[in-house]
Protein backbone atom coordinates (compact mmCIF):
# COMPACT_ATOMS: atom_id res chain seq x y z
CA MET A 1 107.43 115.01 123.47
CA TRP A 2 105.81 116.06 119.54
CA ARG A 3 108.46 114.35 117.87
CA ASN A 4 107.61 111.39 119.58
CA ALA A 5 104.25 111.71 118.58
CA LEU A 6 105.15 112.18 115.62
CA ARG A 7 107.35 108.78 115.26
CA SER A 8 104.81 106.88 116.53
CA ALA A 9 102.10 107.90 113.85
CA PRO A 10 101.26 105.53 111.27
CA SER A 11 103.96 105.70 108.12
CA SER A 12 101.03 107.29 106.27
CA LEU A 13 100.39 109.90 108.42
CA ARG A 14 104.50 110.91 108.59
CA ASP A 15 106.33 113.09 106.43
CA GLU A 16 110.14 112.92 107.67
CA ASN A 17 110.61 116.05 105.59
CA LEU A 18 108.61 118.15 108.01
CA CYS A 19 110.75 121.06 109.89
CA ILE A 20 109.03 121.06 113.34
CA GLY A 21 108.81 124.59 114.70
CA GLN A 22 106.14 124.12 116.60
CA ALA A 23 102.89 121.61 117.47
CA GLY A 24 99.84 121.31 118.96
CA VAL A 25 96.75 118.79 119.74
CA PHE A 26 93.10 120.37 118.40
CA ALA A 27 90.32 118.79 121.00
CA ASN A 28 89.58 115.97 118.46
CA GLY A 29 93.05 114.95 119.24
CA ALA A 30 94.72 115.79 115.88
CA LEU A 31 98.54 116.46 115.75
CA VAL A 32 98.98 120.07 114.05
CA LEU A 33 102.50 120.49 112.81
CA TYR A 34 103.89 123.82 111.26
CA ASN A 35 106.46 123.72 108.69
CA PHE A 36 108.12 126.59 109.06
CA GLY A 37 109.30 128.15 105.73
CA SER A 38 106.99 126.49 103.51
CA GLY A 39 104.33 128.54 104.84
CA LYS A 40 101.83 125.96 105.00
CA ASN A 41 100.20 124.15 107.77
CA ASP A 42 99.95 120.18 108.12
CA ILE A 43 97.64 118.72 110.40
CA VAL A 44 98.12 114.51 111.02
CA SER A 45 94.96 113.23 111.77
CA LYS A 46 94.04 109.82 112.38
CA HIS A 47 92.05 109.80 109.59
CA SER A 48 93.94 111.40 106.78
CA ARG A 49 96.24 114.34 105.91
CA VAL A 50 94.93 117.50 105.12
CA LYS A 51 96.66 120.16 103.32
CA VAL A 52 95.28 123.09 102.78
CA THR A 53 96.58 126.05 100.31
CA GLN A 54 94.67 129.29 100.02
CA THR A 55 94.06 130.54 96.53
CA LYS A 56 92.62 133.74 96.94
CA SER A 57 92.76 136.29 99.17
CA ASP A 58 90.08 138.49 98.03
CA ASP A 59 86.54 138.19 99.32
CA PRO A 60 85.82 135.82 99.21
CA PHE A 61 88.50 133.41 99.67
CA GLU A 62 89.22 130.16 97.63
CA PHE A 63 91.52 127.24 98.87
CA THR A 64 92.04 124.04 97.54
CA VAL A 65 92.46 121.04 99.82
CA THR A 66 94.33 117.67 99.52
CA LEU A 67 93.65 114.85 101.67
CA THR A 68 95.78 111.88 101.68
CA GLY A 69 94.61 108.72 103.73
CA SER A 70 94.62 105.22 103.60
CA GLY A 71 92.43 105.28 100.04
CA GLY A 72 94.32 107.30 98.25
CA GLU A 73 94.38 111.61 97.65
CA THR A 74 91.53 113.69 97.06
CA HIS A 75 90.85 117.24 95.96
CA HIS A 76 88.87 120.02 96.89
CA GLU A 77 88.23 123.56 96.31
CA VAL A 78 86.45 125.71 99.00
CA THR A 79 85.54 129.07 98.87
CA MET A 80 84.53 131.15 102.24
CA THR A 81 82.97 134.70 102.42
CA GLN A 82 84.99 137.03 104.77
CA PHE A 83 81.80 137.48 107.03
CA THR A 84 82.09 133.85 107.42
CA TYR A 85 85.52 133.38 108.74
CA GLU A 86 84.84 136.18 110.85
CA LYS A 87 81.78 134.46 112.22
CA LEU A 88 83.67 131.12 112.92
CA THR A 89 86.79 132.42 114.11
CA GLY A 90 86.76 135.87 115.38
CA SER A 91 89.62 136.42 112.92
CA GLN A 92 91.56 134.63 116.40
CA VAL A 93 93.15 132.00 113.32
CA ASN A 94 93.98 132.69 109.80
CA PRO A 95 91.95 131.63 107.30
CA ALA A 96 93.58 128.71 106.05
CA SER A 97 93.40 127.33 109.76
CA CYS A 98 89.87 127.61 109.37
CA VAL A 99 89.64 125.78 106.34
CA GLN A 100 91.63 122.94 108.04
CA ALA A 101 89.65 122.57 111.21
CA ALA A 102 86.29 122.26 109.26
CA PHE A 103 88.16 119.48 107.41
CA GLU A 104 88.74 117.95 110.93
CA PHE A 105 85.21 118.07 111.66
CA LEU A 106 84.32 116.68 108.45
CA LEU A 107 86.61 113.65 108.43
CA GLU A 108 85.34 112.70 112.00
CA ARG A 109 81.69 112.12 109.98
CA GLU A 110 82.60 110.83 106.81
CA PRO A 111 85.52 109.08 104.95
CA GLN A 112 87.18 111.47 102.62
CA GLU A 113 86.00 110.73 99.74
CA SER A 114 82.34 111.38 100.24
CA ILE A 115 83.78 115.07 101.04
CA LEU A 116 82.16 117.36 97.86
CA THR A 117 85.00 117.96 95.70
CA ARG A 118 83.64 121.75 95.32
CA PHE A 119 81.64 123.56 97.97
CA ASP A 120 81.17 126.99 100.02
CA ILE A 121 81.91 126.22 103.99
CA THR A 122 78.38 126.92 104.73
CA VAL A 123 77.43 123.81 103.04
CA ILE A 124 78.72 121.97 105.91
CA SER A 125 76.07 123.16 108.38
CA THR A 126 73.20 121.74 105.90
CA TYR A 127 74.60 118.27 105.96
CA TYR A 128 75.72 118.74 109.57
CA PRO A 129 73.24 121.41 111.78
CA ALA A 130 75.78 121.16 115.11
CA PHE A 131 78.57 122.13 113.02
CA GLU A 132 78.48 126.26 113.95
CA THR A 133 78.09 125.25 117.94
CA GLU A 134 80.90 122.46 117.79
CA PHE A 135 83.51 123.92 115.20
CA PRO A 136 85.55 125.96 118.02
CA GLY A 137 86.62 122.81 119.60
CA TYR A 138 88.78 122.18 115.98
CA LEU A 139 90.02 125.56 116.02
CA HIS A 140 94.07 125.59 117.03
């Protein structure tokens, strides 16, 4: 079923080189592809492709995020404290998955080019007060 979903995705959202070991769907319909062996998970959504790399595992965590969509590629640097991570996820997913979910939330509300290039994940609530309430629906 997931392989068919990948095949039917627009070519701009496909990566034929992914080795799909497992797949799932976020509440918002984004297809999650787990690329085992690379240590990275990619999210293919209707908006753009999200790649998250954790660059610092000490508190605060740091991530680089690359968004690839019809408008090209954008790069973002995100920080998140251990406290915020636990508050948002209850430690039920890894920190990178938390950041992926946050970007899925953002991409449903604004184009990738409008997302700040450097920010702490807590700033999302400043722009979107319902973020913490709606966020659990984006976790996988």
